[in-house]
mmCIF file of all heavy atoms, coordinates in Angstrom:
data_MODEL
# 
_entry.id   MODEL 
# 
loop_
_atom_site.group_PDB 
_atom_site.id 
_atom_site.type_symbol 
_atom_site.label_atom_id 
_atom_site.label_alt_id 
_atom_site.label_comp_id 
_atom_site.label_asym_id 
_atom_site.label_entity_id 
_atom_site.label_seq_id 
_atom_site.pdbx_PDB_ins_code 
_atom_site.Cartn_x 
_atom_site.Cartn_y 
_atom_site.Cartn_z 
_atom_site.occupancy 
_atom_site.B_iso_or_equiv 
_atom_site.pdbx_formal_charge 
_atom_site.auth_seq_id 
_atom_site.auth_comp_id 
_atom_site.auth_asym_id 
_atom_site.auth_atom_id 
_atom_site.pdbx_PDB_model_num 
ATOM 1   N N   . LEU A 1 1  ? 105.782 -46.426 -58.162 1.00 0.00 ? 1  LEU A N   1 
ATOM 2   C CA  . LEU A 1 1  ? 106.792 -45.375 -58.132 1.00 0.00 ? 1  LEU A CA  1 
ATOM 3   C C   . LEU A 1 1  ? 106.476 -44.339 -57.058 1.00 0.00 ? 1  LEU A C   1 
ATOM 4   O O   . LEU A 1 1  ? 107.365 -43.633 -56.593 1.00 0.00 ? 1  LEU A O   1 
ATOM 5   C CB  . LEU A 1 1  ? 106.897 -44.690 -59.494 1.00 0.00 ? 1  LEU A CB  1 
ATOM 6   C CG  . LEU A 1 1  ? 107.580 -45.497 -60.587 1.00 0.00 ? 1  LEU A CG  1 
ATOM 7   C CD1 . LEU A 1 1  ? 107.521 -44.742 -61.903 1.00 0.00 ? 1  LEU A CD1 1 
ATOM 8   C CD2 . LEU A 1 1  ? 109.006 -45.809 -60.216 1.00 0.00 ? 1  LEU A CD2 1 
ATOM 9   N N   . LEU A 1 2  ? 105.219 -44.235 -56.645 1.00 0.00 ? 2  LEU A N   1 
ATOM 10  C CA  . LEU A 1 2  ? 104.853 -43.299 -55.588 1.00 0.00 ? 2  LEU A CA  1 
ATOM 11  C C   . LEU A 1 2  ? 105.330 -43.771 -54.218 1.00 0.00 ? 2  LEU A C   1 
ATOM 12  O O   . LEU A 1 2  ? 105.265 -43.024 -53.248 1.00 0.00 ? 2  LEU A O   1 
ATOM 13  C CB  . LEU A 1 2  ? 103.336 -43.083 -55.567 1.00 0.00 ? 2  LEU A CB  1 
ATOM 14  C CG  . LEU A 1 2  ? 102.763 -42.391 -56.797 1.00 0.00 ? 2  LEU A CG  1 
ATOM 15  C CD1 . LEU A 1 2  ? 101.254 -42.365 -56.730 1.00 0.00 ? 2  LEU A CD1 1 
ATOM 16  C CD2 . LEU A 1 2  ? 103.323 -40.998 -56.942 1.00 0.00 ? 2  LEU A CD2 1 
ATOM 17  N N   . ASP A 1 3  ? 105.820 -44.997 -54.120 1.00 0.00 ? 3  ASP A N   1 
ATOM 18  C CA  . ASP A 1 3  ? 106.326 -45.530 -52.863 1.00 0.00 ? 3  ASP A CA  1 
ATOM 19  C C   . ASP A 1 3  ? 107.849 -45.515 -52.807 1.00 0.00 ? 3  ASP A C   1 
ATOM 20  O O   . ASP A 1 3  ? 108.427 -45.862 -51.792 1.00 0.00 ? 3  ASP A O   1 
ATOM 21  C CB  . ASP A 1 3  ? 105.835 -46.962 -52.654 1.00 0.00 ? 3  ASP A CB  1 
ATOM 22  C CG  . ASP A 1 3  ? 104.332 -47.022 -52.491 1.00 0.00 ? 3  ASP A CG  1 
ATOM 23  O OD1 . ASP A 1 3  ? 103.773 -46.100 -51.880 1.00 0.00 ? 3  ASP A OD1 1 
ATOM 24  O OD2 . ASP A 1 3  ? 103.729 -47.980 -52.995 1.00 0.00 ? 3  ASP A OD2 1 
ATOM 25  N N   . LYS A 1 4  ? 108.485 -45.139 -53.905 1.00 0.00 ? 4  LYS A N   1 
ATOM 26  C CA  . LYS A 1 4  ? 109.941 -45.128 -53.973 1.00 0.00 ? 4  LYS A CA  1 
ATOM 27  C C   . LYS A 1 4  ? 110.457 -43.706 -53.869 1.00 0.00 ? 4  LYS A C   1 
ATOM 28  O O   . LYS A 1 4  ? 109.732 -42.745 -54.048 1.00 0.00 ? 4  LYS A O   1 
ATOM 29  C CB  . LYS A 1 4  ? 110.423 -45.727 -55.294 1.00 0.00 ? 4  LYS A CB  1 
ATOM 30  C CG  . LYS A 1 4  ? 110.119 -47.186 -55.460 1.00 0.00 ? 4  LYS A CG  1 
ATOM 31  C CD  . LYS A 1 4  ? 110.676 -47.671 -56.759 1.00 0.00 ? 4  LYS A CD  1 
ATOM 32  C CE  . LYS A 1 4  ? 110.372 -49.143 -56.949 1.00 0.00 ? 4  LYS A CE  1 
ATOM 33  N NZ  . LYS A 1 4  ? 110.936 -49.656 -58.198 1.00 0.00 ? 4  LYS A NZ  1 
ATOM 34  N N   . GLY A 1 5  ? 111.722 -43.587 -53.608 1.00 0.00 ? 5  GLY A N   1 
ATOM 35  C CA  . GLY A 1 5  ? 112.405 -42.305 -53.612 1.00 0.00 ? 5  GLY A CA  1 
ATOM 36  C C   . GLY A 1 5  ? 113.719 -42.468 -54.340 1.00 0.00 ? 5  GLY A C   1 
ATOM 37  O O   . GLY A 1 5  ? 114.219 -43.577 -54.511 1.00 0.00 ? 5  GLY A O   1 
ATOM 38  N N   . ASN A 1 6  ? 114.308 -41.364 -54.774 1.00 0.00 ? 6  ASN A N   1 
ATOM 39  C CA  . ASN A 1 6  ? 115.596 -41.444 -55.450 1.00 0.00 ? 6  ASN A CA  1 
ATOM 40  C C   . ASN A 1 6  ? 116.659 -40.644 -54.721 1.00 0.00 ? 6  ASN A C   1 
ATOM 41  O O   . ASN A 1 6  ? 117.796 -40.555 -55.171 1.00 0.00 ? 6  ASN A O   1 
ATOM 42  C CB  . ASN A 1 6  ? 115.482 -40.969 -56.899 1.00 0.00 ? 6  ASN A CB  1 
ATOM 43  C CG  . ASN A 1 6  ? 115.133 -39.499 -57.012 1.00 0.00 ? 6  ASN A CG  1 
ATOM 44  O OD1 . ASN A 1 6  ? 114.805 -38.840 -56.037 1.00 0.00 ? 6  ASN A OD1 1 
ATOM 45  N ND2 . ASN A 1 6  ? 115.197 -38.988 -58.224 1.00 0.00 ? 6  ASN A ND2 1 
ATOM 46  N N   . GLN A 1 7  ? 116.296 -40.036 -53.568 1.00 0.00 ? 7  GLN A N   1 
ATOM 47  C CA  . GLN A 1 7  ? 117.243 -39.172 -52.868 1.00 0.00 ? 7  GLN A CA  1 
ATOM 48  C C   . GLN A 1 7  ? 116.995 -39.229 -51.367 1.00 0.00 ? 7  GLN A C   1 
ATOM 49  O O   . GLN A 1 7  ? 115.856 -39.149 -50.917 1.00 0.00 ? 7  GLN A O   1 
ATOM 50  C CB  . GLN A 1 7  ? 117.069 -37.731 -53.354 1.00 0.00 ? 7  GLN A CB  1 
ATOM 51  C CG  . GLN A 1 7  ? 118.037 -36.741 -52.769 1.00 0.00 ? 7  GLN A CG  1 
ATOM 52  C CD  . GLN A 1 7  ? 119.415 -36.865 -53.375 1.00 0.00 ? 7  GLN A CD  1 
ATOM 53  O OE1 . GLN A 1 7  ? 119.558 -36.985 -54.584 1.00 0.00 ? 7  GLN A OE1 1 
ATOM 54  N NE2 . GLN A 1 7  ? 120.433 -36.852 -52.546 1.00 0.00 ? 7  GLN A NE2 1 
ATOM 55  N N   . ASP A 1 8  ? 118.085 -39.364 -50.609 1.00 0.00 ? 8  ASP A N   1 
ATOM 56  C CA  . ASP A 1 8  ? 118.001 -39.250 -49.157 1.00 0.00 ? 8  ASP A CA  1 
ATOM 57  C C   . ASP A 1 8  ? 118.231 -37.792 -48.793 1.00 0.00 ? 8  ASP A C   1 
ATOM 58  O O   . ASP A 1 8  ? 119.182 -37.167 -49.278 1.00 0.00 ? 8  ASP A O   1 
ATOM 59  C CB  . ASP A 1 8  ? 119.047 -40.134 -48.476 1.00 0.00 ? 8  ASP A CB  1 
ATOM 60  C CG  . ASP A 1 8  ? 118.735 -41.602 -48.644 1.00 0.00 ? 8  ASP A CG  1 
ATOM 61  O OD1 . ASP A 1 8  ? 117.563 -41.979 -48.442 1.00 0.00 ? 8  ASP A OD1 1 
ATOM 62  O OD2 . ASP A 1 8  ? 119.644 -42.373 -48.986 1.00 0.00 ? 8  ASP A OD2 1 
ATOM 63  N N   . ILE A 1 9  ? 117.364 -37.235 -47.960 1.00 0.00 ? 9  ILE A N   1 
ATOM 64  C CA  . ILE A 1 9  ? 117.460 -35.837 -47.562 1.00 0.00 ? 9  ILE A CA  1 
ATOM 65  C C   . ILE A 1 9  ? 117.372 -35.734 -46.049 1.00 0.00 ? 9  ILE A C   1 
ATOM 66  O O   . ILE A 1 9  ? 117.085 -36.719 -45.364 1.00 0.00 ? 9  ILE A O   1 
ATOM 67  C CB  . ILE A 1 9  ? 116.324 -34.992 -48.184 1.00 0.00 ? 9  ILE A CB  1 
ATOM 68  C CG1 . ILE A 1 9  ? 114.965 -35.444 -47.632 1.00 0.00 ? 9  ILE A CG1 1 
ATOM 69  C CG2 . ILE A 1 9  ? 116.362 -35.042 -49.698 1.00 0.00 ? 9  ILE A CG2 1 
ATOM 70  C CD1 . ILE A 1 9  ? 113.872 -34.427 -47.789 1.00 0.00 ? 9  ILE A CD1 1 
ATOM 71  N N   . ILE A 1 10 ? 117.606 -34.532 -45.548 1.00 0.00 ? 10 ILE A N   1 
ATOM 72  C CA  . ILE A 1 10 ? 117.312 -34.211 -44.156 1.00 0.00 ? 10 ILE A CA  1 
ATOM 73  C C   . ILE A 1 10 ? 116.301 -33.078 -44.204 1.00 0.00 ? 10 ILE A C   1 
ATOM 74  O O   . ILE A 1 10 ? 116.552 -32.032 -44.790 1.00 0.00 ? 10 ILE A O   1 
ATOM 75  C CB  . ILE A 1 10 ? 118.568 -33.797 -43.380 1.00 0.00 ? 10 ILE A CB  1 
ATOM 76  C CG1 . ILE A 1 10 ? 119.572 -34.947 -43.392 1.00 0.00 ? 10 ILE A CG1 1 
ATOM 77  C CG2 . ILE A 1 10 ? 118.201 -33.402 -41.951 1.00 0.00 ? 10 ILE A CG2 1 
ATOM 78  C CD1 . ILE A 1 10 ? 120.886 -34.633 -42.745 1.00 0.00 ? 10 ILE A CD1 1 
ATOM 79  N N   . LEU A 1 11 ? 115.132 -33.312 -43.618 1.00 0.00 ? 11 LEU A N   1 
ATOM 80  C CA  . LEU A 1 11 ? 114.036 -32.345 -43.629 1.00 0.00 ? 11 LEU A CA  1 
ATOM 81  C C   . LEU A 1 11 ? 113.996 -31.592 -42.309 1.00 0.00 ? 11 LEU A C   1 
ATOM 82  O O   . LEU A 1 11 ? 114.038 -32.189 -41.241 1.00 0.00 ? 11 LEU A O   1 
ATOM 83  C CB  . LEU A 1 11 ? 112.707 -33.068 -43.839 1.00 0.00 ? 11 LEU A CB  1 
ATOM 84  C CG  . LEU A 1 11 ? 111.459 -32.211 -43.679 1.00 0.00 ? 11 LEU A CG  1 
ATOM 85  C CD1 . LEU A 1 11 ? 111.365 -31.192 -44.805 1.00 0.00 ? 11 LEU A CD1 1 
ATOM 86  C CD2 . LEU A 1 11 ? 110.229 -33.075 -43.641 1.00 0.00 ? 11 LEU A CD2 1 
ATOM 87  N N   . TYR A 1 12 ? 113.929 -30.269 -42.406 1.00 0.00 ? 12 TYR A N   1 
ATOM 88  C CA  . TYR A 1 12 ? 113.752 -29.396 -41.257 1.00 0.00 ? 12 TYR A CA  1 
ATOM 89  C C   . TYR A 1 12 ? 112.356 -28.787 -41.387 1.00 0.00 ? 12 TYR A C   1 
ATOM 90  O O   . TYR A 1 12 ? 112.189 -27.754 -42.038 1.00 0.00 ? 12 TYR A O   1 
ATOM 91  C CB  . TYR A 1 12 ? 114.827 -28.304 -41.234 1.00 0.00 ? 12 TYR A CB  1 
ATOM 92  C CG  . TYR A 1 12 ? 116.232 -28.863 -41.143 1.00 0.00 ? 12 TYR A CG  1 
ATOM 93  C CD1 . TYR A 1 12 ? 116.938 -29.211 -42.290 1.00 0.00 ? 12 TYR A CD1 1 
ATOM 94  C CD2 . TYR A 1 12 ? 116.832 -29.070 -39.909 1.00 0.00 ? 12 TYR A CD2 1 
ATOM 95  C CE1 . TYR A 1 12 ? 118.214 -29.736 -42.216 1.00 0.00 ? 12 TYR A CE1 1 
ATOM 96  C CE2 . TYR A 1 12 ? 118.114 -29.604 -39.826 1.00 0.00 ? 12 TYR A CE2 1 
ATOM 97  C CZ  . TYR A 1 12 ? 118.799 -29.928 -40.980 1.00 0.00 ? 12 TYR A CZ  1 
ATOM 98  O OH  . TYR A 1 12 ? 120.067 -30.462 -40.897 1.00 0.00 ? 12 TYR A OH  1 
ATOM 99  N N   . PRO A 1 13 ? 111.339 -29.424 -40.816 1.00 0.00 ? 13 PRO A N   1 
ATOM 100 C CA  . PRO A 1 13 ? 109.958 -28.973 -41.034 1.00 0.00 ? 13 PRO A CA  1 
ATOM 101 C C   . PRO A 1 13 ? 109.675 -27.629 -40.363 1.00 0.00 ? 13 PRO A C   1 
ATOM 102 O O   . PRO A 1 13 ? 110.409 -27.197 -39.475 1.00 0.00 ? 13 PRO A O   1 
ATOM 103 C CB  . PRO A 1 13 ? 109.115 -30.081 -40.411 1.00 0.00 ? 13 PRO A CB  1 
ATOM 104 C CG  . PRO A 1 13 ? 110.004 -30.708 -39.408 1.00 0.00 ? 13 PRO A CG  1 
ATOM 105 C CD  . PRO A 1 13 ? 111.401 -30.567 -39.920 1.00 0.00 ? 13 PRO A CD  1 
ATOM 106 N N   . GLU A 1 14 ? 108.594 -27.011 -40.794 1.00 0.00 ? 14 GLU A N   1 
ATOM 107 C CA  . GLU A 1 14 ? 108.159 -25.744 -40.218 1.00 0.00 ? 14 GLU A CA  1 
ATOM 108 C C   . GLU A 1 14 ? 107.633 -25.963 -38.802 1.00 0.00 ? 14 GLU A C   1 
ATOM 109 O O   . GLU A 1 14 ? 106.893 -26.903 -38.548 1.00 0.00 ? 14 GLU A O   1 
ATOM 110 C CB  . GLU A 1 14 ? 107.059 -25.161 -41.094 1.00 0.00 ? 14 GLU A CB  1 
ATOM 111 C CG  . GLU A 1 14 ? 106.466 -23.875 -40.584 1.00 0.00 ? 14 GLU A CG  1 
ATOM 112 C CD  . GLU A 1 14 ? 105.341 -23.395 -41.479 1.00 0.00 ? 14 GLU A CD  1 
ATOM 113 O OE1 . GLU A 1 14 ? 104.194 -23.798 -41.244 1.00 0.00 ? 14 GLU A OE1 1 
ATOM 114 O OE2 . GLU A 1 14 ? 105.638 -22.645 -42.413 1.00 0.00 ? 14 GLU A OE2 1 
ATOM 115 N N   . ILE A 1 15 ? 108.039 -25.085 -37.887 1.00 0.00 ? 15 ILE A N   1 
ATOM 116 C CA  . ILE A 1 15 ? 107.544 -25.131 -36.518 1.00 0.00 ? 15 ILE A CA  1 
ATOM 117 C C   . ILE A 1 15 ? 107.110 -23.719 -36.112 1.00 0.00 ? 15 ILE A C   1 
ATOM 118 O O   . ILE A 1 15 ? 107.548 -22.739 -36.703 1.00 0.00 ? 15 ILE A O   1 
ATOM 119 C CB  . ILE A 1 15 ? 108.599 -25.662 -35.519 1.00 0.00 ? 15 ILE A CB  1 
ATOM 120 C CG1 . ILE A 1 15 ? 109.860 -24.799 -35.554 1.00 0.00 ? 15 ILE A CG1 1 
ATOM 121 C CG2 . ILE A 1 15 ? 108.920 -27.123 -35.793 1.00 0.00 ? 15 ILE A CG2 1 
ATOM 122 C CD1 . ILE A 1 15 ? 110.845 -25.100 -34.454 1.00 0.00 ? 15 ILE A CD1 1 
ATOM 123 N N   . ALA A 1 16 ? 106.252 -23.641 -35.116 1.00 0.00 ? 16 ALA A N   1 
ATOM 124 C CA  . ALA A 1 16 ? 105.818 -22.351 -34.568 1.00 0.00 ? 16 ALA A CA  1 
ATOM 125 C C   . ALA A 1 16 ? 106.682 -22.034 -33.355 1.00 0.00 ? 16 ALA A C   1 
ATOM 126 O O   . ALA A 1 16 ? 106.895 -22.890 -32.492 1.00 0.00 ? 16 ALA A O   1 
ATOM 127 C CB  . ALA A 1 16 ? 104.348 -22.413 -34.180 1.00 0.00 ? 16 ALA A CB  1 
ATOM 128 N N   . VAL A 1 17 ? 107.211 -20.808 -33.301 1.00 0.00 ? 17 VAL A N   1 
ATOM 129 C CA  . VAL A 1 17 ? 108.037 -20.361 -32.182 1.00 0.00 ? 17 VAL A CA  1 
ATOM 130 C C   . VAL A 1 17 ? 107.516 -19.014 -31.691 1.00 0.00 ? 17 VAL A C   1 
ATOM 131 O O   . VAL A 1 17 ? 106.841 -18.296 -32.423 1.00 0.00 ? 17 VAL A O   1 
ATOM 132 C CB  . VAL A 1 17 ? 109.524 -20.254 -32.571 1.00 0.00 ? 17 VAL A CB  1 
ATOM 133 C CG1 . VAL A 1 17 ? 110.101 -21.605 -32.922 1.00 0.00 ? 17 VAL A CG1 1 
ATOM 134 C CG2 . VAL A 1 17 ? 109.731 -19.281 -33.701 1.00 0.00 ? 17 VAL A CG2 1 
ATOM 135 N N   . GLU A 1 18 ? 107.869 -18.695 -30.464 1.00 0.00 ? 18 GLU A N   1 
ATOM 136 C CA  . GLU A 1 18 ? 107.484 -17.408 -29.890 1.00 0.00 ? 18 GLU A CA  1 
ATOM 137 C C   . GLU A 1 18 ? 108.708 -16.509 -29.866 1.00 0.00 ? 18 GLU A C   1 
ATOM 138 O O   . GLU A 1 18 ? 109.765 -16.898 -29.366 1.00 0.00 ? 18 GLU A O   1 
ATOM 139 C CB  . GLU A 1 18 ? 106.954 -17.626 -28.473 1.00 0.00 ? 18 GLU A CB  1 
ATOM 140 C CG  . GLU A 1 18 ? 106.395 -16.384 -27.845 1.00 0.00 ? 18 GLU A CG  1 
ATOM 141 C CD  . GLU A 1 18 ? 105.773 -16.662 -26.488 1.00 0.00 ? 18 GLU A CD  1 
ATOM 142 O OE1 . GLU A 1 18 ? 105.171 -17.735 -26.320 1.00 0.00 ? 18 GLU A OE1 1 
ATOM 143 O OE2 . GLU A 1 18 ? 105.904 -15.795 -25.613 1.00 0.00 ? 18 GLU A OE2 1 
ATOM 144 N N   . ASP A 1 19 ? 108.584 -15.298 -30.425 1.00 0.00 ? 19 ASP A N   1 
ATOM 145 C CA  . ASP A 1 19 ? 109.719 -14.382 -30.419 1.00 0.00 ? 19 ASP A CA  1 
ATOM 146 C C   . ASP A 1 19 ? 109.796 -13.648 -29.080 1.00 0.00 ? 19 ASP A C   1 
ATOM 147 O O   . ASP A 1 19 ? 108.974 -13.871 -28.193 1.00 0.00 ? 19 ASP A O   1 
ATOM 148 C CB  . ASP A 1 19 ? 109.667 -13.418 -31.616 1.00 0.00 ? 19 ASP A CB  1 
ATOM 149 C CG  . ASP A 1 19 ? 108.497 -12.457 -31.576 1.00 0.00 ? 19 ASP A CG  1 
ATOM 150 O OD1 . ASP A 1 19 ? 107.850 -12.333 -30.524 1.00 0.00 ? 19 ASP A OD1 1 
ATOM 151 O OD2 . ASP A 1 19 ? 108.237 -11.819 -32.613 1.00 0.00 ? 19 ASP A OD2 1 
ATOM 152 N N   . ARG A 1 20 ? 110.775 -12.771 -28.929 1.00 0.00 ? 20 ARG A N   1 
ATOM 153 C CA  . ARG A 1 20 ? 110.989 -12.123 -27.630 1.00 0.00 ? 20 ARG A CA  1 
ATOM 154 C C   . ARG A 1 20 ? 109.861 -11.182 -27.222 1.00 0.00 ? 20 ARG A C   1 
ATOM 155 O O   . ARG A 1 20 ? 109.740 -10.813 -26.066 1.00 0.00 ? 20 ARG A O   1 
ATOM 156 C CB  . ARG A 1 20 ? 112.326 -11.393 -27.632 1.00 0.00 ? 20 ARG A CB  1 
ATOM 157 C CG  . ARG A 1 20 ? 112.390 -10.266 -28.618 1.00 0.00 ? 20 ARG A CG  1 
ATOM 158 C CD  . ARG A 1 20 ? 113.734 -9.616  -28.600 1.00 0.00 ? 20 ARG A CD  1 
ATOM 159 N NE  . ARG A 1 20 ? 113.757 -8.513  -29.567 1.00 0.00 ? 20 ARG A NE  1 
ATOM 160 C CZ  . ARG A 1 20 ? 114.819 -7.876  -29.914 1.00 0.00 ? 20 ARG A CZ  1 
ATOM 161 N NH1 . ARG A 1 20 ? 115.976 -8.202  -29.388 1.00 0.00 ? 20 ARG A NH1 1 
ATOM 162 N NH2 . ARG A 1 20 ? 114.756 -6.906  -30.793 1.00 0.00 ? 20 ARG A NH2 1 
ATOM 163 N N   . ASP A 1 21 ? 109.029 -10.782 -28.189 1.00 0.00 ? 21 ASP A N   1 
ATOM 164 C CA  . ASP A 1 21 ? 107.882 -9.930  -27.879 1.00 0.00 ? 21 ASP A CA  1 
ATOM 165 C C   . ASP A 1 21 ? 106.619 -10.735 -27.596 1.00 0.00 ? 21 ASP A C   1 
ATOM 166 O O   . ASP A 1 21 ? 105.558 -10.164 -27.363 1.00 0.00 ? 21 ASP A O   1 
ATOM 167 C CB  . ASP A 1 21 ? 107.607 -8.978  -29.049 1.00 0.00 ? 21 ASP A CB  1 
ATOM 168 C CG  . ASP A 1 21 ? 108.755 -8.009  -29.284 1.00 0.00 ? 21 ASP A CG  1 
ATOM 169 O OD1 . ASP A 1 21 ? 109.383 -7.597  -28.276 1.00 0.00 ? 21 ASP A OD1 1 
ATOM 170 O OD2 . ASP A 1 21 ? 109.024 -7.674  -30.445 1.00 0.00 ? 21 ASP A OD2 1 
ATOM 171 N N   . GLY A 1 22 ? 106.717 -12.062 -27.651 1.00 0.00 ? 22 GLY A N   1 
ATOM 172 C CA  . GLY A 1 22 ? 105.565 -12.911 -27.374 1.00 0.00 ? 22 GLY A CA  1 
ATOM 173 C C   . GLY A 1 22 ? 104.715 -13.230 -28.588 1.00 0.00 ? 22 GLY A C   1 
ATOM 174 O O   . GLY A 1 22 ? 103.650 -13.818 -28.461 1.00 0.00 ? 22 GLY A O   1 
ATOM 175 N N   . ASN A 1 23 ? 105.177 -12.843 -29.780 1.00 0.00 ? 23 ASN A N   1 
ATOM 176 C CA  . ASN A 1 23 ? 104.439 -13.125 -31.005 1.00 0.00 ? 23 ASN A CA  1 
ATOM 177 C C   . ASN A 1 23 ? 104.777 -14.524 -31.514 1.00 0.00 ? 23 ASN A C   1 
ATOM 178 O O   . ASN A 1 23 ? 105.913 -14.963 -31.428 1.00 0.00 ? 23 ASN A O   1 
ATOM 179 C CB  . ASN A 1 23 ? 104.782 -12.106 -32.086 1.00 0.00 ? 23 ASN A CB  1 
ATOM 180 C CG  . ASN A 1 23 ? 104.454 -10.696 -31.658 1.00 0.00 ? 23 ASN A CG  1 
ATOM 181 O OD1 . ASN A 1 23 ? 103.382 -10.435 -31.139 1.00 0.00 ? 23 ASN A OD1 1 
ATOM 182 N ND2 . ASN A 1 23 ? 105.395 -9.787  -31.856 1.00 0.00 ? 23 ASN A ND2 1 
ATOM 183 N N   . ILE A 1 24 ? 103.785 -15.192 -32.049 1.00 0.00 ? 24 ILE A N   1 
ATOM 184 C CA  . ILE A 1 24 ? 103.996 -16.520 -32.619 1.00 0.00 ? 24 ILE A CA  1 
ATOM 185 C C   . ILE A 1 24 ? 104.344 -16.353 -34.101 1.00 0.00 ? 24 ILE A C   1 
ATOM 186 O O   . ILE A 1 24 ? 103.655 -15.659 -34.840 1.00 0.00 ? 24 ILE A O   1 
ATOM 187 C CB  . ILE A 1 24 ? 102.739 -17.398 -32.485 1.00 0.00 ? 24 ILE A CB  1 
ATOM 188 C CG1 . ILE A 1 24 ? 102.336 -17.520 -31.017 1.00 0.00 ? 24 ILE A CG1 1 
ATOM 189 C CG2 . ILE A 1 24 ? 102.955 -18.770 -33.109 1.00 0.00 ? 24 ILE A CG2 1 
ATOM 190 C CD1 . ILE A 1 24 ? 103.335 -18.231 -30.154 1.00 0.00 ? 24 ILE A CD1 1 
ATOM 191 N N   . ARG A 1 25 ? 105.435 -16.999 -34.530 1.00 0.00 ? 25 ARG A N   1 
ATOM 192 C CA  . ARG A 1 25 ? 105.824 -16.974 -35.937 1.00 0.00 ? 25 ARG A CA  1 
ATOM 193 C C   . ARG A 1 25 ? 106.335 -18.360 -36.317 1.00 0.00 ? 25 ARG A C   1 
ATOM 194 O O   . ARG A 1 25 ? 106.519 -19.212 -35.449 1.00 0.00 ? 25 ARG A O   1 
ATOM 195 C CB  . ARG A 1 25 ? 106.880 -15.904 -36.207 1.00 0.00 ? 25 ARG A CB  1 
ATOM 196 C CG  . ARG A 1 25 ? 108.162 -16.094 -35.454 1.00 0.00 ? 25 ARG A CG  1 
ATOM 197 C CD  . ARG A 1 25 ? 109.146 -14.951 -35.723 1.00 0.00 ? 25 ARG A CD  1 
ATOM 198 N NE  . ARG A 1 25 ? 110.407 -15.191 -35.084 1.00 0.00 ? 25 ARG A NE  1 
ATOM 199 C CZ  . ARG A 1 25 ? 111.391 -15.938 -35.562 1.00 0.00 ? 25 ARG A CZ  1 
ATOM 200 N NH1 . ARG A 1 25 ? 111.250 -16.536 -36.730 1.00 0.00 ? 25 ARG A NH1 1 
ATOM 201 N NH2 . ARG A 1 25 ? 112.501 -16.115 -34.911 1.00 0.00 ? 25 ARG A NH2 1 
ATOM 202 N N   . THR A 1 26 ? 106.545 -18.572 -37.594 1.00 0.00 ? 26 THR A N   1 
ATOM 203 C CA  . THR A 1 26 ? 107.015 -19.882 -38.049 1.00 0.00 ? 26 THR A CA  1 
ATOM 204 C C   . THR A 1 26 ? 108.438 -19.778 -38.578 1.00 0.00 ? 26 THR A C   1 
ATOM 205 O O   . THR A 1 26 ? 108.859 -18.732 -39.086 1.00 0.00 ? 26 THR A O   1 
ATOM 206 C CB  . THR A 1 26 ? 106.102 -20.441 -39.152 1.00 0.00 ? 26 THR A CB  1 
ATOM 207 O OG1 . THR A 1 26 ? 106.056 -19.510 -40.230 1.00 0.00 ? 26 THR A OG1 1 
ATOM 208 C CG2 . THR A 1 26 ? 104.706 -20.698 -38.632 1.00 0.00 ? 26 THR A CG2 1 
ATOM 209 N N   . GLU A 1 27 ? 109.158 -20.883 -38.436 1.00 0.00 ? 27 GLU A N   1 
ATOM 210 C CA  . GLU A 1 27 ? 110.515 -20.990 -38.965 1.00 0.00 ? 27 GLU A CA  1 
ATOM 211 C C   . GLU A 1 27 ? 110.839 -22.467 -39.133 1.00 0.00 ? 27 GLU A C   1 
ATOM 212 O O   . GLU A 1 27 ? 110.089 -23.336 -38.686 1.00 0.00 ? 27 GLU A O   1 
ATOM 213 C CB  . GLU A 1 27 ? 111.532 -20.332 -38.037 1.00 0.00 ? 27 GLU A CB  1 
ATOM 214 C CG  . GLU A 1 27 ? 111.683 -21.012 -36.703 1.00 0.00 ? 27 GLU A CG  1 
ATOM 215 C CD  . GLU A 1 27 ? 112.717 -20.347 -35.811 1.00 0.00 ? 27 GLU A CD  1 
ATOM 216 O OE1 . GLU A 1 27 ? 112.907 -19.123 -35.894 1.00 0.00 ? 27 GLU A OE1 1 
ATOM 217 O OE2 . GLU A 1 27 ? 113.333 -21.073 -35.020 1.00 0.00 ? 27 GLU A OE2 1 
ATOM 218 N N   . ALA A 1 28 ? 111.961 -22.740 -39.774 1.00 0.00 ? 28 ALA A N   1 
ATOM 219 C CA  . ALA A 1 28 ? 112.386 -24.128 -39.946 1.00 0.00 ? 28 ALA A CA  1 
ATOM 220 C C   . ALA A 1 28 ? 112.936 -24.659 -38.624 1.00 0.00 ? 28 ALA A C   1 
ATOM 221 O O   . ALA A 1 28 ? 113.606 -23.935 -37.884 1.00 0.00 ? 28 ALA A O   1 
ATOM 222 C CB  . ALA A 1 28 ? 113.458 -24.218 -41.028 1.00 0.00 ? 28 ALA A CB  1 
# 
């Protein structure tokens, strides 16, 4: 059962981005 799924989804994983001030933050 650990190899099966019951739902198809679309995953938007976390990524690191740089904001306009040059700071690194995370978002989907």
